[in-house]
Amino acid sequence: MTTVAQTPFQMAQSQFDRVADLLDLNQAARDLLRFPIREYSFAIPVRMDDGSTQIFRGFRVQHNDARGPGKGGVRFHPQETLDTVRGLAMWMTWKCAVADLPLGGAKGGVVCDPHQLSMREQEQICRGWVRQIVRNVGANTDVPAPDVMTSAQHMLWMLDEFETLVGSRQPGFITGKPVGMGGSLARTEATGYGVIYTLREALRARFRKLEGVTASVQGFGNVGQYAVQLLTKLGGKVLAISCWDQKDRCSYTYARSSGVDFDELKGITDRFGGIDPDKARDLGYERMAGDAWLEQEAEILIPAALDREIREDNVEKVASSVKMIVEGANGPTTPGAEAMLLKRGIEVVPDLLANSGGVTCSYFEQVQSNSNYYWERDEVLAKLESRMVGASAAVLDLAERRGVSLREAAYLISVDRVVRACRDRGWIQ
């Protein structure tokens, strides 16, 4: 049977439609929430290092802000599309709501490949993106953050440009800033740690401890690295990691039967999460095809790379040993693939719950920046863990009571909260 690949926005809409039926939403609520409330597409002219001028395409989508200012990252990726950003912005709305944060959902992006750009050229893209959207973002309107292939440095360039244009200090305009420049301690590890906090709570609800659990991870960027770090620290074992190889322009999986040593692997990883193959071989890692991470005899799979990585055409590769998939990335499992996984008895801890640690800590940074008072690292992590445990408990409990999947339970909670806010504001009845 031939299946038509869904875009992230189509995935987000189909997931919403399912929950809209369960909640029996009226047509006005469906029409409002199936589409972004605002979206922007613009050109960013950049003078390149060779003296030429190149035009980059930039986007910002604000899906819904009934519960508070928009919140969402800015991605740099050569395959970025407005449709992808729409889907991610929609997921951000639900992610903020399921974590019960007073924020709405937004997302941004630029079609570019940072691997092929100098730091000066990347800075000009950051500043150009802000110049095009400055009237429509801000601490009380829409707050950007880092995402795929953007960093604290990119956020600082954006902040500097924004403050220059508005003529005042605005540290709450953006999150993911460097510590010492308005950034929050523990922000870097927040998403990956949140994934493991959620995994621990899901296992606990199934009367299983985290200690001794085996996992295979896709992606060794920010999310994957800190998920691996905390999982191994708490007694889990990572059997394999899949990551992008810039030289060969493809992914490889690195596996070792004795398990991954986080510190040694981190020491041979570049700033984009690529592992040095020669050094990995010397350390006893076997290099395999990029999708071999799916086939590892692990109990847990953690996709922490890009969207649509587990699909109908490769879901059969998931090993029979797998009991749970915890989505560290946004939209890594297509609806069709998830249906097949659920039939096999494999639970899927959805992205809007599992990776909401990032936006939760971004919210903490925003609060700190706006109040000009900063918390210690242990305080941030304690608040993060408390939020993740509370959100996980609500989703796990509702899934059990309603007899629905974890994704449906997370959506039921988040969509209901957003609909209530829209009704309270008088946008819909």
Protein backbone atom coordinates (compact mmCIF):
# COMPACT_ATOMS: atom_id res chain seq x y z
CA MET A 1 0.00 0.00 0.00
CA THR A 2 1.36 3.41 -0.98
CA THR A 3 1.10 6.14 1.63
CA VAL A 4 1.34 9.87 1.04
CA ALA A 5 3.80 11.55 3.38
CA GLN A 6 2.22 14.17 5.58
CA THR A 7 3.84 17.53 6.22
CA PRO A 8 4.30 18.58 9.86
CA PHE A 9 1.32 20.94 9.53
CA GLN A 10 -0.88 18.17 8.14
CA MET A 11 0.27 15.91 10.98
CA ALA A 12 -0.56 18.60 13.54
CA GLN A 13 -3.98 19.17 11.99
CA SER A 14 -4.86 15.47 11.86
CA GLN A 15 -3.85 15.05 15.51
CA PHE A 16 -5.96 18.07 16.44
CA ASP A 17 -8.95 16.81 14.42
CA ARG A 18 -8.95 13.54 16.36
CA VAL A 19 -9.03 15.35 19.70
CA ALA A 20 -11.57 17.92 18.45
CA ASP A 21 -13.91 14.98 17.85
CA LEU A 22 -13.27 13.60 21.33
CA LEU A 23 -13.98 17.02 22.86
CA ASP A 24 -16.95 17.60 20.51
CA LEU A 25 -15.70 21.07 19.63
CA ASN A 26 -17.97 23.33 17.62
CA GLN A 27 -17.02 24.46 14.13
CA ALA A 28 -15.80 27.90 15.21
CA ALA A 29 -13.31 26.39 17.66
CA ARG A 30 -12.06 23.98 15.00
CA ASP A 31 -11.69 26.72 12.39
CA LEU A 32 -9.81 28.96 14.83
CA LEU A 33 -7.37 26.33 16.09
CA ARG A 34 -6.70 24.36 12.91
CA PHE A 35 -4.83 27.34 11.44
CA PRO A 36 -2.38 29.99 12.71
CA ILE A 37 -3.83 33.23 13.93
CA ARG A 38 -0.98 35.09 12.16
CA GLU A 39 1.94 34.20 9.91
CA TYR A 40 4.77 36.12 8.27
CA SER A 41 7.04 35.26 5.34
CA PHE A 42 9.81 37.62 4.32
CA ALA A 43 13.12 38.08 2.50
CA ILE A 44 16.41 38.64 4.32
CA PRO A 45 19.10 40.21 2.08
CA VAL A 46 22.64 39.43 3.30
CA ARG A 47 25.98 40.73 2.01
CA MET A 48 28.12 37.59 1.90
CA ASP A 49 31.83 37.36 2.71
CA ASP A 50 32.71 37.21 -1.01
CA GLY A 51 30.94 40.53 -1.63
CA SER A 52 27.84 39.05 -3.27
CA THR A 53 24.32 39.51 -1.95
CA GLN A 54 22.20 36.47 -1.16
CA ILE A 55 18.50 36.48 -0.27
CA PHE A 56 17.37 34.14 2.49
CA ARG A 57 13.74 33.29 3.20
CA GLY A 58 12.52 33.82 6.76
CA PHE A 59 9.30 32.89 8.57
CA ARG A 60 7.43 33.53 11.83
CA VAL A 61 4.12 31.87 12.61
CA GLN A 62 1.98 32.71 15.64
CA HIS A 63 -0.55 29.93 16.05
CA ASN A 64 -2.50 31.08 19.10
CA ASP A 65 -1.90 33.57 21.91
CA ALA A 66 -5.09 33.25 23.97
CA ARG A 67 -3.16 32.01 27.02
CA GLY A 68 -0.25 34.44 26.73
CA PRO A 69 2.54 35.76 24.48
CA GLY A 70 3.68 33.49 21.68
CA LYS A 71 6.65 31.27 22.46
CA GLY A 72 8.77 29.23 20.10
CA GLY A 73 12.19 28.76 18.58
CA VAL A 74 13.86 30.01 15.41
CA ARG A 75 15.32 27.25 13.25
CA PHE A 76 18.06 27.42 10.62
CA HIS A 77 17.72 24.56 8.16
CA PRO A 78 18.24 24.18 4.39
CA GLN A 79 14.92 22.32 4.02
CA GLU A 80 12.91 24.74 6.15
CA THR A 81 9.43 25.55 4.86
CA LEU A 82 6.56 27.76 5.96
CA ASP A 83 4.42 24.64 6.25
CA THR A 84 6.89 23.05 8.67
CA VAL A 85 6.91 26.20 10.78
CA ARG A 86 3.09 26.21 10.84
CA GLY A 87 3.01 22.69 12.24
CA LEU A 88 5.67 23.41 14.82
CA ALA A 89 3.90 26.59 15.95
CA MET A 90 0.69 24.61 16.44
CA TRP A 91 2.54 22.00 18.49
CA MET A 92 4.03 24.80 20.60
CA THR A 93 0.53 25.98 21.53
CA TRP A 94 -0.33 22.53 22.88
CA LYS A 95 3.09 22.09 24.49
CA CYS A 96 2.77 25.31 26.50
CA ALA A 97 -0.78 24.40 27.49
CA VAL A 98 -0.02 20.84 28.63
CA ALA A 99 2.79 22.25 30.82
CA ASP A 100 0.26 24.85 32.04
CA LEU A 101 2.47 27.79 31.07
CA PRO A 102 0.89 31.23 30.47
CA LEU A 103 2.14 31.28 26.88
CA GLY A 104 0.91 30.66 23.36
CA GLY A 105 2.49 28.84 20.45
CA ALA A 106 4.80 30.32 17.81
CA LYS A 107 7.73 29.24 15.65
CA GLY A 108 10.23 30.79 13.27
CA GLY A 109 12.76 29.71 10.72
CA VAL A 110 15.20 30.64 7.98
CA VAL A 111 16.02 28.59 4.91
CA CYS A 112 19.81 28.30 5.23
CA ASP A 113 22.58 25.86 6.08
CA PRO A 114 24.79 27.15 8.90
CA HIS A 115 27.42 24.54 7.99
CA GLN A 116 28.05 26.53 4.79
CA LEU A 117 27.99 30.00 6.37
CA SER A 118 30.59 31.98 8.28
CA MET A 119 29.74 33.33 11.70
CA ARG A 120 29.55 36.84 10.27
CA GLU A 121 27.04 35.68 7.63
CA GLN A 122 24.98 33.92 10.30
CA GLU A 123 25.00 37.09 12.38
CA GLN A 124 23.66 39.07 9.44
CA ILE A 125 20.85 36.54 8.96
CA CYS A 126 19.93 36.85 12.67
CA ARG A 127 19.87 40.63 12.55
CA GLY A 128 17.98 40.64 9.25
CA TRP A 129 15.35 38.25 10.64
CA VAL A 130 14.74 40.61 13.58
CA ARG A 131 14.53 43.69 11.33
CA GLN A 132 11.78 42.06 9.30
CA ILE A 133 9.65 41.00 12.28
CA VAL A 134 10.47 43.62 14.95
CA ARG A 135 6.96 45.14 14.96
CA ASN A 136 5.35 41.79 15.65
CA VAL A 137 7.49 40.32 18.44
CA GLY A 138 8.44 41.33 21.98
CA ALA A 139 8.32 40.26 25.63
CA ASN A 140 4.56 40.78 25.79
CA THR A 141 3.82 39.66 22.23
CA ASP A 142 5.98 36.81 20.95
CA VAL A 143 9.23 35.53 22.48
CA PRO A 144 11.71 33.61 20.24
CA ALA A 145 14.25 31.03 21.41
CA PRO A 146 16.93 28.69 19.95
CA ASP A 147 15.95 25.67 17.91
CA VAL A 148 17.52 23.46 15.26
CA MET A 149 21.03 24.76 14.42
CA THR A 150 20.66 28.00 16.36
CA SER A 151 22.42 28.74 19.64
CA ALA A 152 22.82 31.20 22.51
CA GLN A 153 25.08 33.28 20.27
CA HIS A 154 22.37 33.59 17.62
CA MET A 155 19.89 34.67 20.29
CA LEU A 156 22.27 37.34 21.59
CA TRP A 157 22.70 38.80 18.10
CA MET A 158 18.91 38.89 17.73
CA LEU A 159 18.52 40.53 21.13
CA ASP A 160 21.13 43.15 20.33
CA GLU A 161 19.41 44.01 17.05
CA PHE A 162 16.00 44.18 18.71
CA GLU A 163 17.25 46.46 21.50
CA THR A 164 18.97 48.70 18.95
CA LEU A 165 15.77 49.05 16.94
CA VAL A 166 13.45 49.74 19.91
CA GLY A 167 15.97 51.88 21.76
CA SER A 168 15.84 50.19 25.19
CA ARG A 169 16.97 47.12 27.10
CA GLN A 170 14.59 44.22 26.48
CA PRO A 171 16.14 41.04 27.97
CA GLY A 172 12.73 39.35 28.10
CA PHE A 173 12.38 39.61 24.31
CA ILE A 174 14.22 36.35 23.70
CA THR A 175 15.26 33.26 25.65
CA GLY A 176 18.16 30.85 25.31
CA LYS A 177 20.61 33.71 25.84
CA PRO A 178 24.12 33.11 27.23
CA VAL A 179 24.36 32.93 31.01
CA GLY A 180 25.62 36.31 32.18
CA MET A 181 23.72 38.07 29.40
CA GLY A 182 20.25 37.35 30.73
CA GLY A 183 20.24 33.61 30.14
CA SER A 184 19.05 31.10 32.71
CA LEU A 185 21.23 28.49 34.31
CA ALA A 186 20.18 24.95 33.27
CA ARG A 187 18.48 26.18 30.08
CA THR A 188 20.92 24.25 27.89
CA GLU A 189 20.14 20.88 29.46
CA ALA A 190 16.44 21.53 30.14
CA THR A 191 14.90 19.80 27.11
CA GLY A 192 17.02 16.66 27.35
CA TYR A 193 16.58 16.44 31.12
CA GLY A 194 12.82 16.94 30.70
CA VAL A 195 12.71 13.96 28.32
CA ILE A 196 14.24 11.74 30.99
CA TYR A 197 12.04 13.09 33.80
CA THR A 198 9.04 12.21 31.64
CA LEU A 199 10.44 8.77 30.80
CA ARG A 200 11.00 8.09 34.51
CA GLU A 201 7.41 9.02 35.36
CA ALA A 202 5.99 6.91 32.51
CA LEU A 203 8.05 3.91 33.67
CA ARG A 204 7.04 4.50 37.28
CA ALA A 205 3.37 4.42 36.25
CA ARG A 206 4.09 1.03 34.68
CA PHE A 207 5.79 -0.15 37.90
CA ARG A 208 9.24 -0.07 36.33
CA LYS A 209 12.35 1.73 37.54
CA LEU A 210 14.62 3.82 35.32
CA GLU A 211 17.70 2.01 36.61
CA GLY A 212 18.81 -0.71 34.22
CA VAL A 213 16.61 0.37 31.32
CA THR A 214 18.22 0.26 27.87
CA ALA A 215 17.74 2.91 25.19
CA SER A 216 18.69 3.87 21.65
CA VAL A 217 18.82 7.56 20.75
CA GLN A 218 18.51 9.39 17.45
CA GLY A 219 20.32 12.73 17.46
CA PHE A 220 23.29 13.90 19.49
CA GLY A 221 22.63 17.62 19.47
CA ASN A 222 21.53 19.56 22.50
CA VAL A 223 18.46 17.43 23.32
CA GLY A 224 20.04 14.05 22.65
CA GLN A 225 23.25 14.84 24.52
CA TYR A 226 21.60 15.86 27.76
CA ALA A 227 19.05 13.07 27.57
CA VAL A 228 21.91 10.58 27.29
CA GLN A 229 23.82 12.31 30.08
CA LEU A 230 20.96 12.18 32.60
CA LEU A 231 19.74 8.73 31.60
CA THR A 232 23.18 7.19 32.14
CA LYS A 233 23.67 9.18 35.34
CA LEU A 234 20.42 7.76 36.74
CA GLY A 235 21.43 4.18 35.94
CA GLY A 236 20.11 3.67 32.43
CA LYS A 237 22.18 2.30 29.54
CA VAL A 238 22.33 3.81 26.03
CA LEU A 239 23.21 1.17 23.43
CA ALA A 240 23.37 3.35 20.31
CA ILE A 241 23.29 6.91 19.04
CA SER A 242 22.45 8.06 15.52
CA CYS A 243 23.77 11.42 14.32
CA TRP A 244 24.38 13.48 11.20
CA ASP A 245 27.76 13.29 9.46
CA GLN A 246 28.51 16.60 7.78
CA LYS A 247 31.32 15.24 5.59
CA ASP A 248 29.25 12.41 4.06
CA ARG A 249 25.96 14.35 4.24
CA CYS A 250 24.12 11.44 5.81
CA SER A 251 23.43 9.88 9.21
CA TYR A 252 25.27 7.05 10.91
CA THR A 253 24.50 5.01 14.01
CA TYR A 254 27.26 4.38 16.56
CA ALA A 255 26.68 1.39 18.82
CA ARG A 256 28.63 -0.43 21.52
CA SER A 257 27.37 -3.47 23.41
CA SER A 258 28.85 -2.22 26.68
CA GLY A 259 26.90 1.02 26.27
CA VAL A 260 27.70 4.61 25.46
CA ASP A 261 30.11 6.56 27.65
CA PHE A 262 28.69 10.07 27.51
CA ASP A 263 31.84 11.97 28.43
CA GLU A 264 34.11 10.20 25.95
CA LEU A 265 31.57 10.47 23.13
CA LYS A 266 30.91 14.14 23.87
CA GLY A 267 34.66 14.70 23.64
CA ILE A 268 34.71 13.61 19.99
CA THR A 269 31.55 15.47 18.93
CA ASP A 270 31.46 18.72 16.94
CA ARG A 271 29.23 21.70 17.75
CA PHE A 272 26.47 20.37 15.47
CA GLY A 273 26.32 16.98 17.22
CA GLY A 274 28.38 15.07 14.65
CA ILE A 275 30.61 12.27 16.01
CA ASP A 276 34.15 11.76 14.67
CA PRO A 277 33.99 8.30 13.04
CA ASP A 278 37.71 7.47 13.34
CA LYS A 279 37.89 8.35 17.02
CA ALA A 280 34.63 6.50 17.66
CA ARG A 281 36.07 3.37 16.04
CA ASP A 282 39.17 3.63 18.21
CA LEU A 283 36.89 3.69 21.26
CA GLY A 284 35.18 0.48 20.21
CA TYR A 285 32.01 1.84 18.59
CA GLU A 286 30.57 0.10 15.55
CA ARG A 287 29.38 2.45 12.81
CA MET A 288 26.19 1.39 11.04
CA ALA A 289 23.53 2.86 8.77
CA GLY A 290 21.69 5.93 10.06
CA ASP A 291 18.40 4.13 10.70
CA ALA A 292 20.05 1.24 12.57
CA TRP A 293 19.13 3.01 15.82
CA LEU A 294 15.59 1.73 15.26
CA GLU A 295 16.75 -1.87 15.16
CA GLN A 296 18.71 -1.96 18.42
CA GLU A 297 17.56 -4.45 21.05
CA ALA A 298 16.65 -1.69 23.48
CA GLU A 299 13.54 -1.12 25.58
CA ILE A 300 13.28 2.61 24.87
CA LEU A 301 13.70 4.62 21.67
CA ILE A 302 14.33 8.36 21.97
CA PRO A 303 14.02 10.20 18.64
CA ALA A 304 15.71 13.55 19.33
CA ALA A 305 16.51 14.82 15.84
CA LEU A 306 13.98 16.02 13.25
CA ASP A 307 10.31 15.46 12.42
CA ARG A 308 8.90 12.43 10.57
CA GLU A 309 11.79 10.10 11.42
CA ILE A 310 9.53 7.15 12.35
CA ARG A 311 7.18 6.58 9.41
CA GLU A 312 5.02 3.91 7.85
CA ASP A 313 7.90 2.92 5.55
CA ASN A 314 10.39 2.22 8.35
CA VAL A 315 8.32 1.53 11.48
CA GLU A 316 8.62 -2.23 10.94
CA LYS A 317 12.34 -1.88 11.66
CA VAL A 318 11.59 -1.03 15.29
CA ALA A 319 12.98 -3.93 17.33
CA SER A 320 10.62 -6.30 19.11
CA SER A 321 12.33 -5.45 22.40
CA VAL A 322 11.06 -1.85 22.30
CA LYS A 323 8.33 -1.08 24.81
CA MET A 324 8.20 2.73 24.67
CA ILE A 325 9.13 5.64 22.42
CA VAL A 326 9.80 9.00 24.08
CA GLU A 327 9.72 11.88 21.60
CA GLY A 328 12.59 14.27 22.24
CA ALA A 329 12.12 15.87 18.81
CA ASN A 330 9.04 17.66 17.48
CA GLY A 331 6.77 15.43 15.40
CA PRO A 332 9.20 12.51 14.93
CA THR A 333 6.43 9.91 14.62
CA THR A 334 3.83 10.12 11.87
CA PRO A 335 0.21 9.31 12.79
CA GLY A 336 0.21 6.21 10.60
CA ALA A 337 3.40 4.90 12.18
CA GLU A 338 2.07 5.60 15.67
CA ALA A 339 -1.08 3.60 14.96
CA MET A 340 1.11 0.66 13.94
CA LEU A 341 3.26 1.02 17.07
CA LEU A 342 0.21 1.09 19.35
CA LYS A 343 -1.08 -2.10 17.75
CA ARG A 344 2.22 -3.72 18.70
CA GLY A 345 1.77 -2.57 22.29
CA ILE A 346 4.49 0.08 22.08
CA GLU A 347 3.57 3.24 23.97
CA VAL A 348 4.48 6.66 22.57
CA VAL A 349 5.20 9.46 25.04
CA PRO A 350 4.32 12.46 22.83
CA ASP A 351 6.56 15.38 22.00
CA LEU A 352 4.25 18.01 23.46
CA LEU A 353 4.79 16.41 26.86
CA ALA A 354 8.20 14.75 26.59
CA ASN A 355 10.19 17.71 25.25
CA SER A 356 8.27 20.49 26.99
CA GLY A 357 11.18 20.92 29.41
CA GLY A 358 12.76 23.30 26.92
CA VAL A 359 9.87 25.72 26.75
CA THR A 360 9.31 25.38 30.49
CA CYS A 361 12.85 26.53 31.22
CA SER A 362 12.50 29.22 28.55
CA TYR A 363 9.51 30.46 30.52
CA PHE A 364 11.66 30.48 33.65
CA GLU A 365 14.28 32.53 31.79
CA GLN A 366 11.63 34.96 30.60
CA VAL A 367 10.37 35.42 34.16
CA GLN A 368 13.91 35.99 35.43
CA SER A 369 14.77 38.45 32.64
CA ASN A 370 11.60 40.47 33.14
CA SER A 371 12.17 40.68 36.90
CA ASN A 372 15.96 41.18 36.60
CA TYR A 373 16.51 38.50 39.26
CA TYR A 374 18.21 35.18 38.51
CA TRP A 375 17.92 31.79 40.17
CA GLU A 376 20.60 29.23 41.04
CA ARG A 377 20.95 26.14 38.83
CA ASP A 378 19.58 23.73 41.42
CA GLU A 379 16.53 25.95 41.90
CA VAL A 380 15.86 25.98 38.15
CA LEU A 381 16.21 22.21 37.86
CA ALA A 382 13.97 21.65 40.90
CA LYS A 383 11.26 23.84 39.36
CA LEU A 384 11.70 22.08 36.02
CA GLU A 385 11.40 18.62 37.54
CA SER A 386 8.32 19.66 39.50
CA ARG A 387 6.61 20.95 36.34
CA MET A 388 7.50 17.86 34.32
CA VAL A 389 6.34 15.47 37.06
CA GLY A 390 3.04 17.33 37.42
CA ALA A 391 2.35 17.45 33.67
CA SER A 392 3.30 13.78 33.26
CA ALA A 393 1.03 12.72 36.12
CA ALA A 394 -1.94 14.56 34.60
CA VAL A 395 -1.42 12.97 31.17
CA LEU A 396 -0.80 9.46 32.50
CA ASP A 397 -3.83 9.65 34.78
CA LEU A 398 -6.18 10.90 32.05
CA ALA A 399 -4.95 8.27 29.59
CA GLU A 400 -5.73 5.58 32.16
CA ARG A 401 -9.16 6.99 33.04
CA ARG A 402 -10.29 7.64 29.47
CA GLY A 403 -8.67 4.60 27.87
CA VAL A 404 -6.86 6.72 25.28
CA SER A 405 -3.25 6.96 24.10
CA LEU A 406 -0.79 9.23 25.87
CA ARG A 407 -0.81 11.59 22.89
CA GLU A 408 -4.59 11.82 22.95
CA ALA A 409 -4.54 12.45 26.68
CA ALA A 410 -1.96 15.23 26.31
CA TYR A 411 -4.00 16.79 23.51
CA LEU A 412 -7.24 16.54 25.48
CA ILE A 413 -5.67 18.50 28.33
CA SER A 414 -3.94 21.11 26.18
CA VAL A 415 -6.69 21.73 23.62
CA ASP A 416 -9.29 22.02 26.36
CA ARG A 417 -7.19 24.66 28.15
CA VAL A 418 -6.69 26.68 24.96
CA VAL A 419 -10.36 26.46 23.97
CA ARG A 420 -11.39 27.65 27.43
CA ALA A 421 -9.06 30.66 27.11
CA CYS A 422 -10.50 31.50 23.67
CA ARG A 423 -14.02 31.27 25.05
CA ASP A 424 -13.19 33.35 28.12
CA ARG A 425 -11.83 36.07 25.83
CA GLY A 426 -15.01 35.98 23.77
CA TRP A 427 -13.29 34.87 20.57
CA ILE A 428 -15.61 31.88 20.24
CA GLN A 429 -18.67 30.57 22.05
